[in-house]
Each structure stands twice: as structure tokens, then as C-alpha cells.
PDB file of N, CA and C in Angstrom:
ATOM      1  N   UNK A   1      42.011 -44.709 146.504  1.00  0.00           N
ATOM      2  CA  UNK A   1      41.902 -45.640 145.412  1.00  0.00           C
ATOM      3  C   UNK A   1      41.202 -44.902 144.239  1.00  0.00           C
ATOM      4  N   UNK A   2      41.709 -45.161 143.075  1.00  0.00           N
ATOM      5  CA  UNK A   2      41.083 -44.573 141.903  1.00  0.00           C
ATOM      6  C   UNK A   2      39.717 -45.155 141.623  1.00  0.00           C
ATOM      7  N   UNK A   3      38.854 -44.304 141.083  1.00  0.00           N
ATOM      8  CA  UNK A   3      37.492 -44.763 140.854  1.00  0.00           C
ATOM      9  C   UNK A   3      37.456 -45.959 139.905  1.00  0.00           C
ATOM     10  N   UNK A   4      38.335 -45.959 138.861  1.00  0.00           N
ATOM     11  CA  UNK A   4      38.419 -47.057 137.897  1.00  0.00           C
ATOM     12  C   UNK A   4      38.722 -48.341 138.620  1.00  0.00           C
ATOM     13  N   UNK A   5      39.714 -48.357 139.548  1.00  0.00           N
ATOM     14  CA  UNK A   5      40.067 -49.560 140.238  1.00  0.00           C
ATOM     15  C   UNK A   5      38.908 -50.049 141.113  1.00  0.00           C
ATOM     16  N   UNK A   6      38.179 -49.133 141.738  1.00  0.00           N
ATOM     17  CA  UNK A   6      37.043 -49.499 142.578  1.00  0.00           C
ATOM     18  C   UNK A   6      35.940 -50.187 141.739  1.00  0.00           C
ATOM     19  N   UNK A   7      35.737 -49.663 140.551  1.00  0.00           N
ATOM     20  CA  UNK A   7      34.719 -50.263 139.645  1.00  0.00           C
ATOM     21  C   UNK A   7      35.165 -51.651 139.230  1.00  0.00           C
ATOM     22  N   UNK A   8      36.456 -51.806 138.832  1.00  0.00           N
ATOM     23  CA  UNK A   8      36.924 -53.127 138.502  1.00  0.00           C
ATOM     24  C   UNK A   8      36.799 -54.102 139.638  1.00  0.00           C
ATOM     25  N   UNK A   9      37.138 -53.675 140.828  1.00  0.00           N
ATOM     26  CA  UNK A   9      37.026 -54.538 142.007  1.00  0.00           C
ATOM     27  C   UNK A   9      35.552 -54.968 142.224  1.00  0.00           C
ATOM     28  N   UNK A  10      34.654 -54.023 142.079  1.00  0.00           N
ATOM     29  CA  UNK A  10      33.225 -54.334 142.290  1.00  0.00           C
ATOM     30  C   UNK A  10      32.758 -55.336 141.263  1.00  0.00           C
ATOM     31  N   UNK A  11      33.129 -55.205 139.997  1.00  0.00           N
ATOM     32  CA  UNK A  11      32.743 -56.125 138.993  1.00  0.00           C
ATOM     33  C   UNK A  11      33.237 -57.544 139.251  1.00  0.00           C
ATOM     34  N   UNK A  12      34.539 -57.673 139.573  1.00  0.00           N
ATOM     35  CA  UNK A  12      35.114 -58.961 139.825  1.00  0.00           C
ATOM     36  C   UNK A  12      34.507 -59.575 141.083  1.00  0.00           C
ATOM     37  N   UNK A  13      34.294 -58.771 142.098  1.00  0.00           N
ATOM     38  CA  UNK A  13      33.719 -59.227 143.352  1.00  0.00           C
ATOM     39  C   UNK A  13      32.323 -59.813 143.117  1.00  0.00           C
ATOM     40  N   UNK A  14      31.475 -59.104 142.336  1.00  0.00           N
ATOM     41  CA  UNK A  14      30.183 -59.543 142.039  1.00  0.00           C
ATOM     42  C   UNK A  14      30.158 -60.880 141.312  1.00  0.00           C
ATOM     43  N   UNK A  15      31.073 -60.995 140.306  1.00  0.00           N
ATOM     44  CA  UNK A  15      31.198 -62.243 139.534  1.00  0.00           C
ATOM     45  C   UNK A  15      31.550 -63.422 140.482  1.00  0.00           C
ATOM     46  N   UNK A  16      32.550 -63.192 141.316  1.00  0.00           N
ATOM     47  CA  UNK A  16      33.028 -64.287 142.191  1.00  0.00           C
ATOM     48  C   UNK A  16      31.990 -64.647 143.275  1.00  0.00           C
ATOM     49  N   UNK A  17      31.305 -63.629 143.811  1.00  0.00           N
ATOM     50  CA  UNK A  17      30.239 -63.921 144.787  1.00  0.00           C
ATOM     51  C   UNK A  17      29.126 -64.701 144.172  1.00  0.00           C
ATOM     52  N   UNK A  18      28.867 -64.433 142.871  1.00  0.00           N
ATOM     53  CA  UNK A  18      27.847 -65.225 142.188  1.00  0.00           C
ATOM     54  C   UNK A  18      28.182 -66.695 142.080  1.00  0.00           C
ATOM     55  N   UNK A  19      29.455 -67.013 142.269  1.00  0.00           N
ATOM     56  CA  UNK A  19      29.975 -68.425 142.261  1.00  0.00           C
ATOM     57  C   UNK A  19      30.073 -68.933 143.698  1.00  0.00           C
ATOM     58  N   UNK A  20      29.561 -68.196 144.674  1.00  0.00           N
ATOM     59  CA  UNK A  20      29.643 -68.538 146.137  1.00  0.00           C
ATOM     60  C   UNK A  20      31.083 -68.609 146.575  1.00  0.00           C
ATOM     61  N   UNK A  21      31.892 -67.646 146.132  1.00  0.00           N
ATOM     62  CA  UNK A  21      33.319 -67.552 146.512  1.00  0.00           C
ATOM     63  C   UNK A  21      33.420 -66.392 147.517  1.00  0.00           C
ATOM     64  N   UNK A  22      34.094 -66.654 148.632  1.00  0.00           N
ATOM     65  CA  UNK A  22      34.432 -65.583 149.576  1.00  0.00           C
ATOM     66  C   UNK A  22      35.488 -64.702 148.982  1.00  0.00           C
ATOM     67  N   UNK A  23      35.234 -63.412 149.010  1.00  0.00           N
ATOM     68  CA  UNK A  23      36.143 -62.421 148.351  1.00  0.00           C
ATOM     69  C   UNK A  23      36.531 -61.352 149.312  1.00  0.00           C
ATOM     70  N   UNK A  24      37.822 -60.965 149.288  1.00  0.00           N
ATOM     71  CA  UNK A  24      38.336 -59.802 149.976  1.00  0.00           C
ATOM     72  C   UNK A  24      39.098 -58.986 148.920  1.00  0.00           C
ATOM     73  N   UNK A  25      38.929 -57.703 148.983  1.00  0.00           N
ATOM     74  CA  UNK A  25      39.639 -56.814 148.041  1.00  0.00           C
ATOM     75  C   UNK A  25      40.690 -56.001 148.762  1.00  0.00           C
ATOM     76  N   UNK A  26      41.718 -55.655 148.054  1.00  0.00           N
ATOM     77  CA  UNK A  26      42.783 -54.803 148.539  1.00  0.00           C
ATOM     78  C   UNK A  26      42.995 -53.657 147.533  1.00  0.00           C
ATOM     79  N   UNK A  27      43.151 -52.433 148.030  1.00  0.00           N
ATOM     80  CA  UNK A  27      43.259 -51.293 147.138  1.00  0.00           C
ATOM     81  C   UNK A  27      44.628 -51.106 146.552  1.00  0.00           C
ATOM     82  N   UNK A  28      45.621 -51.843 147.087  1.00  0.00           N
ATOM     83  CA  UNK A  28      46.975 -51.749 146.544  1.00  0.00           C
ATOM     84  C   UNK A  28      47.768 -53.016 146.983  1.00  0.00           C
ATOM     85  N   UNK A  29      48.944 -53.115 146.430  1.00  0.00           N
ATOM     86  CA  UNK A  29      49.813 -54.271 146.719  1.00  0.00           C
ATOM     87  C   UNK A  29      50.183 -54.442 148.186  1.00  0.00           C
ATOM     88  N   UNK A  30      50.447 -53.333 148.862  1.00  0.00           N
ATOM     89  CA  UNK A  30      50.809 -53.368 150.282  1.00  0.00           C
ATOM     90  C   UNK A  30      49.660 -53.937 151.133  1.00  0.00           C
ATOM     91  N   UNK A  31      48.466 -53.502 150.848  1.00  0.00           N
ATOM     92  CA  UNK A  31      47.340 -54.055 151.573  1.00  0.00           C
ATOM     93  C   UNK A  31      47.102 -55.540 151.241  1.00  0.00           C
ATOM     94  N   UNK A  32      47.336 -55.914 150.004  1.00  0.00           N
ATOM     95  CA  UNK A  32      47.174 -57.297 149.580  1.00  0.00           C
ATOM     96  C   UNK A  32      48.169 -58.197 150.359  1.00  0.00           C
ATOM     97  N   UNK A  33      49.364 -57.749 150.481  1.00  0.00           N
ATOM     98  CA  UNK A  33      50.379 -58.533 151.286  1.00  0.00           C
ATOM     99  C   UNK A  33      49.968 -58.649 152.746  1.00  0.00           C
ATOM    100  N   UNK A  34      49.477 -57.545 153.325  1.00  0.00           N
ATOM    101  CA  UNK A  34      49.007 -57.569 154.747  1.00  0.00           C
ATOM    102  C   UNK A  34      47.858 -58.610 154.897  1.00  0.00           C
ATOM    103  N   UNK A  35      46.917 -58.527 154.029  1.00  0.00           N
ATOM    104  CA  UNK A  35      45.765 -59.429 154.124  1.00  0.00           C
ATOM    105  C   UNK A  35      46.226 -60.890 153.946  1.00  0.00           C
ATOM    106  N   UNK A  36      47.131 -61.112 153.021  1.00  0.00           N
ATOM    107  CA  UNK A  36      47.632 -62.446 152.781  1.00  0.00           C
ATOM    108  C   UNK A  36      48.302 -63.039 154.014  1.00  0.00           C
ATOM    109  N   UNK A  37      48.962 -62.234 154.797  1.00  0.00           N
ATOM    110  CA  UNK A  37      49.637 -62.686 155.992  1.00  0.00           C
ATOM    111  C   UNK A  37      48.665 -62.923 157.148  1.00  0.00           C
ATOM    112  N   UNK A  38      47.432 -62.477 157.085  1.00  0.00           N
ATOM    113  CA  UNK A  38      46.465 -62.575 158.142  1.00  0.00           C
ATOM    114  C   UNK A  38      45.658 -63.849 158.077  1.00  0.00           C
ATOM    115  N   UNK A  39      45.477 -64.420 156.889  1.00  0.00           N
ATOM    116  CA  UNK A  39      44.652 -65.586 156.746  1.00  0.00           C
ATOM    117  C   UNK A  39      44.940 -66.320 155.470  1.00  0.00           C
ATOM    118  N   UNK A  40      44.424 -67.526 155.316  1.00  0.00           N
ATOM    119  CA  UNK A  40      44.653 -68.363 154.174  1.00  0.00           C
ATOM    120  C   UNK A  40      43.734 -67.886 153.028  1.00  0.00           C
ATOM    121  N   UNK A  41      44.268 -67.874 151.866  1.00  0.00           N
ATOM    122  CA  UNK A  41      43.501 -67.616 150.639  1.00  0.00           C
ATOM    123  C   UNK A  41      43.817 -68.767 149.645  1.00  0.00           C
ATOM    124  N   UNK A  42      42.792 -69.192 148.888  1.00  0.00           N
ATOM    125  CA  UNK A  42      43.002 -70.206 147.899  1.00  0.00           C
ATOM    126  C   UNK A  42      43.634 -69.666 146.622  1.00  0.00           C
ATOM    127  N   UNK A  43      43.429 -68.392 146.354  1.00  0.00           N
ATOM    128  CA  UNK A  43      43.858 -67.740 145.125  1.00  0.00           C
ATOM    129  C   UNK A  43      43.925 -66.250 145.307  1.00  0.00           C
ATOM    130  N   UNK A  44      44.947 -65.610 144.703  1.00  0.00           N
ATOM    131  CA  UNK A  44      45.053 -64.173 144.706  1.00  0.00           C
ATOM    132  C   UNK A  44      44.913 -63.740 143.254  1.00  0.00           C
ATOM    133  N   UNK A  45      43.906 -62.908 142.994  1.00  0.00           N
ATOM    134  CA  UNK A  45      43.803 -62.264 141.681  1.00  0.00           C
ATOM    135  C   UNK A  45      44.537 -60.936 141.771  1.00  0.00           C
ATOM    136  N   UNK A  46      45.688 -60.837 141.113  1.00  0.00           N
ATOM    137  CA  UNK A  46      46.569 -59.695 141.329  1.00  0.00           C
ATOM    138  C   UNK A  46      46.534 -58.750 140.150  1.00  0.00           C
ATOM    139  N   UNK A  47      45.945 -57.574 140.399  1.00  0.00           N
ATOM    140  CA  UNK A  47      45.952 -56.528 139.335  1.00  0.00           C
ATOM    141  C   UNK A  47      47.381 -56.037 139.221  1.00  0.00           C
ATOM    142  N   UNK A  48      47.821 -55.812 137.988  1.00  0.00           N
ATOM    143  CA  UNK A  48      49.179 -55.410 137.786  1.00  0.00           C
ATOM    144  C   UNK A  48      49.366 -53.891 138.098  1.00  0.00           C
ATOM    145  N   UNK A  49      48.387 -53.092 137.751  1.00  0.00           N
ATOM    146  CA  UNK A  49      48.503 -51.638 137.957  1.00  0.00           C
ATOM    147  C   UNK A  49      47.695 -51.234 139.183  1.00  0.00           C
ATOM    148  N   UNK A  50      48.438 -51.013 140.284  1.00  0.00           N
ATOM    149  CA  UNK A  50      47.774 -50.600 141.524  1.00  0.00           C
ATOM    150  C   UNK A  50      48.601 -49.435 142.104  1.00  0.00           C
ATOM    151  N   UNK A  51      47.981 -48.588 142.893  1.00  0.00           N
ATOM    152  CA  UNK A  51      48.748 -47.550 143.527  1.00  0.00           C
ATOM    153  C   UNK A  51      49.588 -48.100 144.683  1.00  0.00           C
ATOM    154  N   UNK A  52      50.530 -47.335 145.173  1.00  0.00           N
ATOM    155  CA  UNK A  52      51.381 -47.672 146.323  1.00  0.00           C
ATOM    156  C   UNK A  52      52.396 -48.788 145.957  1.00  0.00           C
ATOM    157  N   UNK A  53      51.901 -49.944 145.601  1.00  0.00           N
ATOM    158  CA  UNK A  53      52.767 -51.082 145.172  1.00  0.00           C
ATOM    159  C   UNK A  53      52.031 -51.814 144.078  1.00  0.00           C
ATOM    160  N   UNK A  54      52.657 -51.964 142.919  1.00  0.00           N
ATOM    161  CA  UNK A  54      52.013 -52.604 141.776  1.00  0.00           C
ATOM    162  C   UNK A  54      52.031 -54.140 141.983  1.00  0.00           C
ATOM    163  N   UNK A  55      51.300 -54.814 141.151  1.00  0.00           N
ATOM    164  CA  UNK A  55      51.165 -56.272 141.234  1.00  0.00           C
ATOM    165  C   UNK A  55      52.439 -57.017 141.046  1.00  0.00           C
ATOM    166  N   UNK A  56      53.366 -56.486 140.212  1.00  0.00           N
ATOM    167  CA  UNK A  56      54.667 -57.171 140.013  1.00  0.00           C
ATOM    168  C   UNK A  56      55.468 -57.137 141.286  1.00  0.00           C
ATOM    169  N   UNK A  57      55.518 -55.992 141.904  1.00  0.00           N
ATOM    170  CA  UNK A  57      56.317 -55.842 143.170  1.00  0.00           C
ATOM    171  C   UNK A  57      55.665 -56.647 144.269  1.00  0.00           C
ATOM    172  N   UNK A  58      54.347 -56.594 144.363  1.00  0.00           N
ATOM    173  CA  UNK A  58      53.630 -57.379 145.427  1.00  0.00           C
ATOM    174  C   UNK A  58      53.896 -58.893 145.231  1.00  0.00           C
ATOM    175  N   UNK A  59      53.883 -59.362 144.027  1.00  0.00           N
ATOM    176  CA  UNK A  59      54.143 -60.774 143.777  1.00  0.00           C
ATOM    177  C   UNK A  59      55.591 -61.115 144.137  1.00  0.00           C
ATOM    178  N   UNK A  60      56.510 -60.312 143.758  1.00  0.00           N
ATOM    179  CA  UNK A  60      57.915 -60.571 144.149  1.00  0.00           C
ATOM    180  C   UNK A  60      58.088 -60.602 145.657  1.00  0.00           C
ATOM    181  N   UNK A  61      57.426 -59.719 146.344  1.00  0.00           N
ATOM    182  CA  UNK A  61      57.521 -59.683 147.785  1.00  0.00           C
ATOM    183  C   UNK A  61      56.893 -60.935 148.409  1.00  0.00           C
ATOM    184  N   UNK A  62      55.762 -61.359 147.893  1.00  0.00           N
ATOM    185  CA  UNK A  62      55.128 -62.590 148.388  1.00  0.00           C
ATOM    186  C   UNK A  62      56.037 -63.759 148.162  1.00  0.00           C
ATOM    187  N   UNK A  63      56.573 -63.909 146.971  1.00  0.00           N
ATOM    188  CA  UNK A  63      57.385 -65.086 146.621  1.00  0.00           C
ATOM    189  C   UNK A  63      58.752 -65.078 147.307  1.00  0.00           C
ATOM    190  N   UNK A  64      59.304 -63.926 147.575  1.00  0.00           N
ATOM    191  CA  UNK A  64      60.652 -63.862 148.125  1.00  0.00           C
ATOM    192  C   UNK A  64      60.757 -63.583 149.627  1.00  0.00           C
ATOM    193  N   UNK A  65      59.753 -62.949 150.217  1.00  0.00           N
ATOM    194  CA  UNK A  65      59.893 -62.505 151.561  1.00  0.00           C
ATOM    195  C   UNK A  65      58.945 -63.121 152.550  1.00  0.00           C
ATOM    196  N   UNK A  66      57.832 -63.671 152.105  1.00  0.00           N
ATOM    197  CA  UNK A  66      56.883 -64.225 153.030  1.00  0.00           C
ATOM    198  C   UNK A  66      57.254 -65.673 153.360  1.00  0.00           C
ATOM    199  N   UNK A  67      56.845 -66.079 154.556  1.00  0.00           N
ATOM    200  CA  UNK A  67      57.037 -67.467 154.962  1.00  0.00           C
ATOM    201  C   UNK A  67      55.953 -68.325 154.382  1.00  0.00           C
ATOM    202  N   UNK A  68      56.170 -69.654 154.416  1.00  0.00           N
ATOM    203  CA  UNK A  68      55.134 -70.576 154.008  1.00  0.00           C
ATOM    204  C   UNK A  68      54.063 -70.583 155.080  1.00  0.00           C
ATOM    205  N   UNK A  69      52.801 -70.825 154.744  1.00  0.00           N
ATOM    206  CA  UNK A  69      52.293 -71.171 153.437  1.00  0.00           C
ATOM    207  C   UNK A  69      51.947 -70.001 152.525  1.00  0.00           C
ATOM    208  N   UNK A  70      52.150 -68.776 153.073  1.00  0.00           N
ATOM    209  CA  UNK A  70      51.761 -67.601 152.329  1.00  0.00           C
ATOM    210  C   UNK A  70      52.517 -67.434 151.005  1.00  0.00           C
ATOM    211  N   UNK A  71      53.797 -67.821 151.016  1.00  0.00           N
ATOM    212  CA  UNK A  71      54.634 -67.687 149.899  1.00  0.00           C
ATOM    213  C   UNK A  71      54.168 -68.473 148.652  1.00  0.00           C
ATOM    214  N   UNK A  72      53.461 -69.583 148.936  1.00  0.00           N
ATOM    215  CA  UNK A  72      53.064 -70.487 147.833  1.00  0.00           C
ATOM    216  C   UNK A  72      51.627 -70.316 147.339  1.00  0.00           C
ATOM    217  N   UNK A  73      50.938 -69.320 147.834  1.00  0.00           N
ATOM    218  CA  UNK A  73      49.579 -69.094 147.373  1.00  0.00           C
ATOM    219  C   UNK A  73      49.557 -68.897 145.858  1.00  0.00           C
ATOM    220  N   UNK A  74      48.649 -69.544 145.155  1.00  0.00           N
ATOM    221  CA  UNK A  74      48.532 -69.294 143.688  1.00  0.00           C
ATOM    222  C   UNK A  74      48.137 -67.816 143.451  1.00  0.00           C
ATOM    223  N   UNK A  75      48.847 -67.264 142.476  1.00  0.00           N
ATOM    224  CA  UNK A  75      48.561 -65.834 142.083  1.00  0.00           C
ATOM    225  C   UNK A  75      48.269 -65.807 140.627  1.00  0.00           C
ATOM    226  N   UNK A  76      47.130 -65.170 140.268  1.00  0.00           N
ATOM    227  CA  UNK A  76      46.748 -65.013 138.865  1.00  0.00           C
ATOM    228  C   UNK A  76      46.776 -63.539 138.525  1.00  0.00           C
ATOM    229  N   UNK A  77      47.550 -63.160 137.541  1.00  0.00           N
ATOM    230  CA  UNK A  77      47.574 -61.790 137.119  1.00  0.00           C
ATOM    231  C   UNK A  77      46.316 -61.413 136.382  1.00  0.00           C
ATOM    232  N   UNK A  78      45.813 -60.215 136.663  1.00  0.00           N
ATOM    233  CA  UNK A  78      44.700 -59.658 135.932  1.00  0.00           C
ATOM    234  C   UNK A  78      45.217 -58.315 135.378  1.00  0.00           C
ATOM    235  N   UNK A  79      45.272 -58.214 134.084  1.00  0.00           N
ATOM    236  CA  UNK A  79      45.867 -57.022 133.477  1.00  0.00           C
ATOM    237  C   UNK A  79      45.255 -56.698 132.140  1.00  0.00           C
ATOM    238  N   UNK A  80      45.351 -55.412 131.840  1.00  0.00           N
ATOM    239  CA  UNK A  80      44.874 -54.945 130.515  1.00  0.00           C
ATOM    240  C   UNK A  80      46.028 -55.076 129.488  1.00  0.00           C
ATOM    241  N   UNK A  81      47.228 -55.403 129.934  1.00  0.00           N
ATOM    242  CA  UNK A  81      48.369 -55.630 129.080  1.00  0.00           C
ATOM    243  C   UNK A  81      48.310 -57.014 128.497  1.00  0.00           C
ATOM    244  N   UNK A  82      47.780 -57.179 127.325  1.00  0.00           N
ATOM    245  CA  UNK A  82      47.580 -58.501 126.761  1.00  0.00           C
ATOM    246  C   UNK A  82      48.660 -58.822 125.729  1.00  0.00           C
ATOM    247  N   UNK A  83      49.847 -58.459 125.980  1.00  0.00           N
ATOM    248  CA  UNK A  83      50.931 -58.780 125.050  1.00  0.00           C
ATOM    249  C   UNK A  83      51.757 -59.915 125.633  1.00  0.00           C
ATOM    250  N   UNK A  84      52.300 -60.768 124.759  1.00  0.00           N
ATOM    251  CA  UNK A  84      53.097 -61.927 125.228  1.00  0.00           C
ATOM    252  C   UNK A  84      54.239 -61.574 126.200  1.00  0.00           C
ATOM    253  N   UNK A  85      54.909 -60.481 125.956  1.00  0.00           N
ATOM    254  CA  UNK A  85      56.025 -60.096 126.840  1.00  0.00           C
ATOM    255  C   UNK A  85      55.526 -59.840 128.287  1.00  0.00           C
ATOM    256  N   UNK A  86      54.390 -59.198 128.441  1.00  0.00           N
ATOM    257  CA  UNK A  86      53.828 -58.943 129.770  1.00  0.00           C
ATOM    258  C   UNK A  86      53.412 -60.261 130.440  1.00  0.00           C
ATOM    259  N   UNK A  87      52.815 -61.138 129.661  1.00  0.00           N
ATOM    260  CA  UNK A  87      52.397 -62.456 130.190  1.00  0.00           C
ATOM    261  C   UNK A  87      53.620 -63.211 130.676  1.00  0.00           C
ATOM    262  N   UNK A  88      54.658 -63.210 129.909  1.00  0.00           N
ATOM    263  CA  UNK A  88      55.907 -63.874 130.317  1.00  0.00           C
ATOM    264  C   UNK A  88      56.478 -63.251 131.541  1.00  0.00           C
ATOM    265  N   UNK A  89      56.464 -61.956 131.674  1.00  0.00           N
ATOM    266  CA  UNK A  89      56.983 -61.288 132.839  1.00  0.00           C
ATOM    267  C   UNK A  89      56.228 -61.732 134.112  1.00  0.00           C
ATOM    268  N   UNK A  90      54.890 -61.879 133.972  1.00  0.00           N
ATOM    269  CA  UNK A  90      54.101 -62.371 135.111  1.00  0.00           C
ATOM    270  C   UNK A  90      54.560 -63.742 135.559  1.00  0.00           C
ATOM    271  N   UNK A  91      54.737 -64.616 134.612  1.00  0.00           N
ATOM    272  CA  UNK A  91      55.219 -66.000 134.970  1.00  0.00           C
ATOM    273  C   UNK A  91      56.612 -65.947 135.538  1.00  0.00           C
ATOM    274  N   UNK A  92      57.472 -65.080 134.962  1.00  0.00           N
ATOM    275  CA  UNK A  92      58.869 -65.042 135.458  1.00  0.00           C
ATOM    276  C   UNK A  92      58.928 -64.560 136.908  1.00  0.00           C
ATOM    277  N   UNK A  93      57.955 -63.705 137.266  1.00  0.00           N
ATOM    278  CA  UNK A  93      57.937 -63.175 138.674  1.00  0.00           C
ATOM    279  C   UNK A  93      57.242 -64.179 139.637  1.00  0.00           C
ATOM    280  N   UNK A  94      56.751 -65.264 139.144  1.00  0.00           N
ATOM    281  CA  UNK A  94      56.159 -66.232 140.002  1.00  0.00           C
ATOM    282  C   UNK A  94      54.655 -66.357 140.058  1.00  0.00           C
ATOM    283  N   UNK A  95      54.025 -65.680 139.143  1.00  0.00           N
ATOM    284  CA  UNK A  95      52.563 -65.818 139.038  1.00  0.00           C
ATOM    285  C   UNK A  95      52.225 -67.148 138.432  1.00  0.00           C
ATOM    286  N   UNK A  96      51.087 -67.702 138.791  1.00  0.00           N
ATOM    287  CA  UNK A  96      50.681 -69.036 138.351  1.00  0.00           C
ATOM    288  C   UNK A  96      49.764 -68.954 137.138  1.00  0.00           C
ATOM    289  N   UNK A  97      49.123 -67.839 136.866  1.00  0.00           N
ATOM    290  CA  UNK A  97      48.214 -67.735 135.816  1.00  0.00           C
ATOM    291  C   UNK A  97      48.083 -66.295 135.363  1.00  0.00           C
ATOM    292  N   UNK A  98      47.292 -66.095 134.291  1.00  0.00           N
ATOM    293  CA  UNK A  98      47.198 -64.761 133.661  1.00  0.00           C
ATOM    294  C   UNK A  98      45.886 -64.685 132.971  1.00  0.00           C
ATOM    295  N   UNK A  99      45.189 -63.612 133.162  1.00  0.00           N
ATOM    296  CA  UNK A  99      43.979 -63.328 132.416  1.00  0.00           C
ATOM    297  C   UNK A  99      43.953 -61.803 132.080  1.00  0.00           C
ATOM    298  N   UNK A 100      43.595 -61.491 130.854  1.00  0.00           N
ATOM    299  CA  UNK A 100      43.614 -60.088 130.463  1.00  0.00           C
ATOM    300  C   UNK A 100      42.232 -59.468 130.636  1.00  0.00           C
ATOM    301  N   UNK A 101      42.203 -58.210 130.948  1.00  0.00           N
ATOM    302  CA  UNK A 101      40.959 -57.432 131.103  1.00  0.00           C
ATOM    303  C   UNK A 101      40.677 -56.698 129.864  1.00  0.00           C
ATOM    304  N   UNK A 102      39.454 -56.548 129.468  1.00  0.00           N
ATOM    305  CA  UNK A 102      38.282 -57.175 130.095  1.00  0.00           C
ATOM    306  C   UNK A 102      38.270 -58.643 129.813  1.00  0.00           C
ATOM    307  N   UNK A 103      37.665 -59.424 130.701  1.00  0.00           N
ATOM    308  CA  UNK A 103      37.654 -60.849 130.541  1.00  0.00           C
ATOM    309  C   UNK A 103      36.238 -61.407 130.569  1.00  0.00           C
ATOM    310  N   UNK A 104      36.125 -62.586 129.986  1.00  0.00           N
ATOM    311  CA  UNK A 104      34.830 -63.302 129.967  1.00  0.00           C
ATOM    312  C   UNK A 104      34.800 -64.068 131.268  1.00  0.00           C
ATOM    313  N   UNK A 105      33.741 -63.889 132.107  1.00  0.00           N
ATOM    314  CA  UNK A 105      33.704 -64.645 133.384  1.00  0.00           C
ATOM    315  C   UNK A 105      33.882 -66.185 133.223  1.00  0.00           C
ATOM    316  N   UNK A 106      33.389 -66.748 132.152  1.00  0.00           N
ATOM    317  CA  UNK A 106      33.554 -68.140 131.935  1.00  0.00           C
ATOM    318  C   UNK A 106      35.062 -68.539 131.777  1.00  0.00           C
ATOM    319  N   UNK A 107      35.805 -67.632 131.126  1.00  0.00           N
ATOM    320  CA  UNK A 107      37.262 -67.896 130.974  1.00  0.00           C
ATOM    321  C   UNK A 107      37.954 -67.922 132.322  1.00  0.00           C
ATOM    322  N   UNK A 108      37.550 -66.969 133.205  1.00  0.00           N
ATOM    323  CA  UNK A 108      38.157 -66.979 134.541  1.00  0.00           C
ATOM    324  C   UNK A 108      37.764 -68.223 135.321  1.00  0.00           C
ATOM    325  N   UNK A 109      36.506 -68.600 135.242  1.00  0.00           N
ATOM    326  CA  UNK A 109      36.015 -69.772 135.942  1.00  0.00           C
ATOM    327  C   UNK A 109      36.717 -71.054 135.466  1.00  0.00           C
ATOM    328  N   UNK A 110      37.049 -71.117 134.200  1.00  0.00           N
ATOM    329  CA  UNK A 110      37.598 -72.360 133.628  1.00  0.00           C
ATOM    330  C   UNK A 110      39.160 -72.360 133.717  1.00  0.00           C
ATOM    331  N   UNK A 111      39.772 -71.318 134.256  1.00  0.00           N
ATOM    332  CA  UNK A 111      41.234 -71.289 134.395  1.00  0.00           C
ATOM    333  C   UNK A 111      41.664 -72.337 135.411  1.00  0.00           C
ATOM    334  N   UNK A 112      42.699 -73.081 135.084  1.00  0.00           N
ATOM    335  CA  UNK A 112      43.291 -73.991 136.032  1.00  0.00           C
ATOM    336  C   UNK A 112      44.609 -73.381 136.494  1.00  0.00           C
ATOM    337  N   UNK A 113      44.554 -72.494 137.460  1.00  0.00           N
ATOM    338  CA  UNK A 113      45.725 -71.732 137.889  1.00  0.00           C
ATOM    339  C   UNK A 113      46.776 -72.604 138.455  1.00  0.00           C
ATOM    340  N   UNK A 114      46.462 -73.809 138.893  1.00  0.00           N
ATOM    341  CA  UNK A 114      47.437 -74.669 139.489  1.00  0.00           C
ATOM    342  C   UNK A 114      48.252 -75.434 138.389  1.00  0.00           C
ATOM    343  N   UNK A 115      47.797 -75.363 137.179  1.00  0.00           N
ATOM    344  CA  UNK A 115      48.464 -76.077 136.072  1.00  0.00           C
ATOM    345  C   UNK A 115      49.613 -75.280 135.450  1.00  0.00           C
ATOM    346  N   UNK A 116      49.761 -74.030 135.796  1.00  0.00           N
ATOM    347  CA  UNK A 116      50.794 -73.211 135.176  1.00  0.00           C
ATOM    348  C   UNK A 116      52.152 -73.478 135.755  1.00  0.00           C
TER     349      UNK A 116
END
């Protein structure tokens, strides 16, 4: 895992744990899919740029190849690509929400990912 990704994970993990949220991190899309199949998650925060398998491919795999209830887990993109075309691509691939990095923790907390 790249050092930058580890730092981003640590920051997001600390924010979420401060809200009493149980958090698990995955270093790449393949690991995220494996973890998703092992237990129930209320939300997946999917980084778009990951090694091994990016967030786009991981989301497509979840939406097209996993069985329910794993297939329907809400997925929110977290990306530094804050352009409308990238946001639309996330929605087209089946993501439920989108937040650009760096983000304000209050913006993340106030997102209604089920409304997308």
C-alpha cells in the first residue's frame, strides 16, 4: 500500500471512529470485495484510485457479480477528481454518493447516501 493511501485511510478512520462508527479498511478493491462478502456493512466509502483494483472496477464487480445483500450495499465514492464527468461516472457505475477529497468531515456526516 502506498504511504499516501495509508495516511488517507488513517484520517478517515479517525474521523469515523470519533462518531462511534465501526470501521474496516481495505488496501485495494480486491480486499474490499473480500471483506464485503464476509460480513454486513452499512456503507462502503470507495476510494477511486487504489492499487490492484480501482474503485470503479470494484464497484462494478460488487454491483454485477455479488449476490444479495452484498450487491445492494450503499457505496460512496471518495475521490480527488472533483469534476462533474467523474461524479457522473461514479453514479453510472452504481455508486450511491460522492464526496471529493479533501473533504470537510461535517459534509461527510451530513451526506444522505441513500437519497442518491
